[in-house]
Amino acid sequence: MNEQERATRLSALNSLINLMRPSVQADGGDLVLVRADVDAGVVEVQLQGACSTCAISSSTLQGGVERILKDRLDWVTEVIGGVDDTEDFESSAALGTGGYVPRYREI
């Protein structure tokens, strides 16, 4: 693969990440590209902010981010996802509640 192809893949990846970020940011989090090996097809992303303590962050990574990257970028073979666990619960909660908030009713 030549440098032009690598640059094209990286540009497409960054554009797609930037397209997804507003949805995550709306819930008080963020989606960050950590690294990308465009030759091997491996992409590493991280959820930050309110996503770091969200109960469905793994679903967001697997069901959302990974699925979208693999569907739209045929060269992506693996998505490694993680959360920024340096955020304490109170700070994270102050950033937003997320799109899914479980409701329990008393019986």
C-alpha atoms as a PDB file:
ATOM      1  CA  MET A   1       0.000   0.000   0.000  1.00  0.00           C
ATOM      2  CA  ASN A   2       1.390   3.402  -0.901  1.00  0.00           C
ATOM      3  CA  GLU A   3       1.310   6.586   1.171  1.00  0.00           C
ATOM      4  CA  GLN A   4      -1.601   8.045  -0.823  1.00  0.00           C
ATOM      5  CA  GLU A   5      -3.776   5.010  -0.051  1.00  0.00           C
ATOM      6  CA  ARG A   6      -2.834   5.184   3.640  1.00  0.00           C
ATOM      7  CA  ALA A   7      -3.677   8.895   3.735  1.00  0.00           C
ATOM      8  CA  THR A   8      -7.011   8.265   2.004  1.00  0.00           C
ATOM      9  CA  ARG A   9      -7.944   5.539   4.491  1.00  0.00           C
ATOM     10  CA  LEU A  10      -6.930   7.652   7.479  1.00  0.00           C
ATOM     11  CA  SER A  11      -8.890  10.635   6.153  1.00  0.00           C
ATOM     12  CA  ALA A  12     -12.014   8.500   5.668  1.00  0.00           C
ATOM     13  CA  LEU A  13     -11.621   7.091   9.178  1.00  0.00           C
ATOM     14  CA  ASN A  14     -11.260  10.532  10.755  1.00  0.00           C
ATOM     15  CA  SER A  15     -14.295  11.792   8.825  1.00  0.00           C
ATOM     16  CA  LEU A  16     -16.399   8.877  10.051  1.00  0.00           C
ATOM     17  CA  ILE A  17     -15.246   9.312  13.665  1.00  0.00           C
ATOM     18  CA  ASN A  18     -16.122  13.018  13.438  1.00  0.00           C
ATOM     19  CA  LEU A  19     -19.541  12.088  12.061  1.00  0.00           C
ATOM     20  CA  MET A  20     -20.231   9.840  15.078  1.00  0.00           C
ATOM     21  CA  ARG A  21     -18.826  12.150  17.770  1.00  0.00           C
ATOM     22  CA  PRO A  22     -21.820  14.539  18.067  1.00  0.00           C
ATOM     23  CA  SER A  23     -24.111  11.649  19.044  1.00  0.00           C
ATOM     24  CA  VAL A  24     -21.745  10.603  21.822  1.00  0.00           C
ATOM     25  CA  GLN A  25     -21.121  14.210  22.862  1.00  0.00           C
ATOM     26  CA  ALA A  26     -24.868  14.812  23.154  1.00  0.00           C
ATOM     27  CA  ASP A  27     -24.822  12.349  26.061  1.00  0.00           C
ATOM     28  CA  GLY A  28     -21.911  14.062  27.786  1.00  0.00           C
ATOM     29  CA  GLY A  29     -19.198  11.808  26.395  1.00  0.00           C
ATOM     30  CA  ASP A  30     -16.756  11.796  23.546  1.00  0.00           C
ATOM     31  CA  LEU A  31     -15.302   9.372  21.025  1.00  0.00           C
ATOM     32  CA  VAL A  32     -11.570   9.606  20.397  1.00  0.00           C
ATOM     33  CA  LEU A  33      -9.426   7.843  17.825  1.00  0.00           C
ATOM     34  CA  VAL A  34      -6.443   6.453  19.756  1.00  0.00           C
ATOM     35  CA  ARG A  35      -4.579   4.824  16.873  1.00  0.00           C
ATOM     36  CA  ALA A  36      -5.135   3.260  13.484  1.00  0.00           C
ATOM     37  CA  ASP A  37      -3.076   0.721  11.581  1.00  0.00           C
ATOM     38  CA  VAL A  38      -4.582   1.207   8.138  1.00  0.00           C
ATOM     39  CA  ASP A  39      -2.398  -1.546   6.663  1.00  0.00           C
ATOM     40  CA  ALA A  40      -3.620  -4.199   9.106  1.00  0.00           C
ATOM     41  CA  GLY A  41      -7.145  -2.740   9.414  1.00  0.00           C
ATOM     42  CA  VAL A  42      -6.950  -2.304  13.190  1.00  0.00           C
ATOM     43  CA  VAL A  43      -8.548   0.764  14.758  1.00  0.00           C
ATOM     44  CA  GLU A  44      -8.451   1.678  18.449  1.00  0.00           C
ATOM     45  CA  VAL A  45     -11.008   4.092  19.891  1.00  0.00           C
ATOM     46  CA  GLN A  46     -11.838   5.301  23.373  1.00  0.00           C
ATOM     47  CA  LEU A  47     -15.035   6.562  24.952  1.00  0.00           C
ATOM     48  CA  GLN A  48     -14.519   9.441  27.370  1.00  0.00           C
ATOM     49  CA  GLY A  49     -16.526  11.676  29.688  1.00  0.00           C
ATOM     50  CA  ALA A  50     -19.916  10.403  30.797  1.00  0.00           C
ATOM     51  CA  CYS A  51     -19.342   7.293  28.680  1.00  0.00           C
ATOM     52  CA  SER A  52     -16.647   6.124  31.073  1.00  0.00           C
ATOM     53  CA  THR A  53     -19.232   5.186  33.703  1.00  0.00           C
ATOM     54  CA  CYS A  54     -22.163   4.443  31.426  1.00  0.00           C
ATOM     55  CA  ALA A  55     -23.672   0.987  31.822  1.00  0.00           C
ATOM     56  CA  ILE A  56     -24.067   0.559  28.070  1.00  0.00           C
ATOM     57  CA  SER A  57     -20.656   1.815  26.951  1.00  0.00           C
ATOM     58  CA  SER A  58     -19.627  -1.662  25.760  1.00  0.00           C
ATOM     59  CA  SER A  59     -22.813  -1.838  23.682  1.00  0.00           C
ATOM     60  CA  THR A  60     -22.035   1.569  22.217  1.00  0.00           C
ATOM     61  CA  LEU A  61     -18.569   0.361  21.251  1.00  0.00           C
ATOM     62  CA  GLN A  62     -19.613  -2.993  19.819  1.00  0.00           C
ATOM     63  CA  GLY A  63     -23.093  -2.336  18.519  1.00  0.00           C
ATOM     64  CA  GLY A  64     -22.469   1.186  17.346  1.00  0.00           C
ATOM     65  CA  VAL A  65     -18.903   2.246  16.731  1.00  0.00           C
ATOM     66  CA  GLU A  66     -17.492  -1.123  15.639  1.00  0.00           C
ATOM     67  CA  ARG A  67     -20.464  -1.940  13.432  1.00  0.00           C
ATOM     68  CA  ILE A  68     -20.408   1.448  11.707  1.00  0.00           C
ATOM     69  CA  LEU A  69     -16.650   1.400  11.117  1.00  0.00           C
ATOM     70  CA  LYS A  70     -16.707  -2.129   9.676  1.00  0.00           C
ATOM     71  CA  ASP A  71     -19.811  -1.467   7.551  1.00  0.00           C
ATOM     72  CA  ARG A  72     -18.562   1.771   6.030  1.00  0.00           C
ATOM     73  CA  LEU A  73     -14.824   1.119   5.784  1.00  0.00           C
ATOM     74  CA  ASP A  74     -14.246  -2.249   4.118  1.00  0.00           C
ATOM     75  CA  TRP A  75     -10.584  -2.304   5.160  1.00  0.00           C
ATOM     76  CA  VAL A  76     -11.372  -2.252   8.908  1.00  0.00           C
ATOM     77  CA  THR A  77     -10.935  -5.778  10.288  1.00  0.00           C
ATOM     78  CA  GLU A  78     -10.773  -5.132  14.035  1.00  0.00           C
ATOM     79  CA  VAL A  79     -11.953  -2.375  16.360  1.00  0.00           C
ATOM     80  CA  ILE A  80     -10.398  -2.185  19.801  1.00  0.00           C
ATOM     81  CA  GLY A  81     -12.494  -0.128  22.152  1.00  0.00           C
ATOM     82  CA  GLY A  82     -12.037   1.082  25.655  1.00  0.00           C
ATOM     83  CA  VAL A  83     -13.236   3.676  28.096  1.00  0.00           C
ATOM     84  CA  ASP A  84     -11.292   6.374  29.878  1.00  0.00           C
ATOM     85  CA  ASP A  85     -11.527   5.148  33.442  1.00  0.00           C
ATOM     86  CA  THR A  86      -9.599   8.064  34.925  1.00  0.00           C
ATOM     87  CA  GLU A  87     -12.849   9.992  35.358  1.00  0.00           C
ATOM     88  CA  ASP A  88     -14.454   9.556  38.767  1.00  0.00           C
ATOM     89  CA  PHE A  89     -18.150   8.786  38.941  1.00  0.00           C
ATOM     90  CA  GLU A  90     -19.277  12.226  40.172  1.00  0.00           C
ATOM     91  CA  SER A  91     -17.363  14.111  37.477  1.00  0.00           C
ATOM     92  CA  SER A  92     -18.569  11.716  34.832  1.00  0.00           C
ATOM     93  CA  ALA A  93     -22.183  11.958  35.956  1.00  0.00           C
ATOM     94  CA  ALA A  94     -21.996  15.740  35.834  1.00  0.00           C
ATOM     95  CA  LEU A  95     -21.229  15.555  32.101  1.00  0.00           C
ATOM     96  CA  GLY A  96     -24.551  13.975  31.191  1.00  0.00           C
ATOM     97  CA  THR A  97     -26.876  11.107  31.873  1.00  0.00           C
ATOM     98  CA  GLY A  98     -26.682   9.396  28.517  1.00  0.00           C
ATOM     99  CA  GLY A  99     -29.396   8.372  26.132  1.00  0.00           C
ATOM    100  CA  TYR A 100     -30.487   5.404  28.190  1.00  0.00           C
ATOM    101  CA  VAL A 101     -31.430   5.915  31.790  1.00  0.00           C
ATOM    102  CA  PRO A 102     -32.936   2.876  33.481  1.00  0.00           C
ATOM    103  CA  ARG A 103     -36.152   3.576  35.320  1.00  0.00           C
ATOM    104  CA  TYR A 104     -37.260   1.403  38.173  1.00  0.00           C
ATOM    105  CA  ARG A 105     -40.710   1.488  39.571  1.00  0.00           C
ATOM    106  CA  GLU A 106     -41.580   0.523  43.053  1.00  0.00           C
ATOM    107  CA  ILE A 107     -43.796  -2.476  43.433  1.00  0.00           C
END
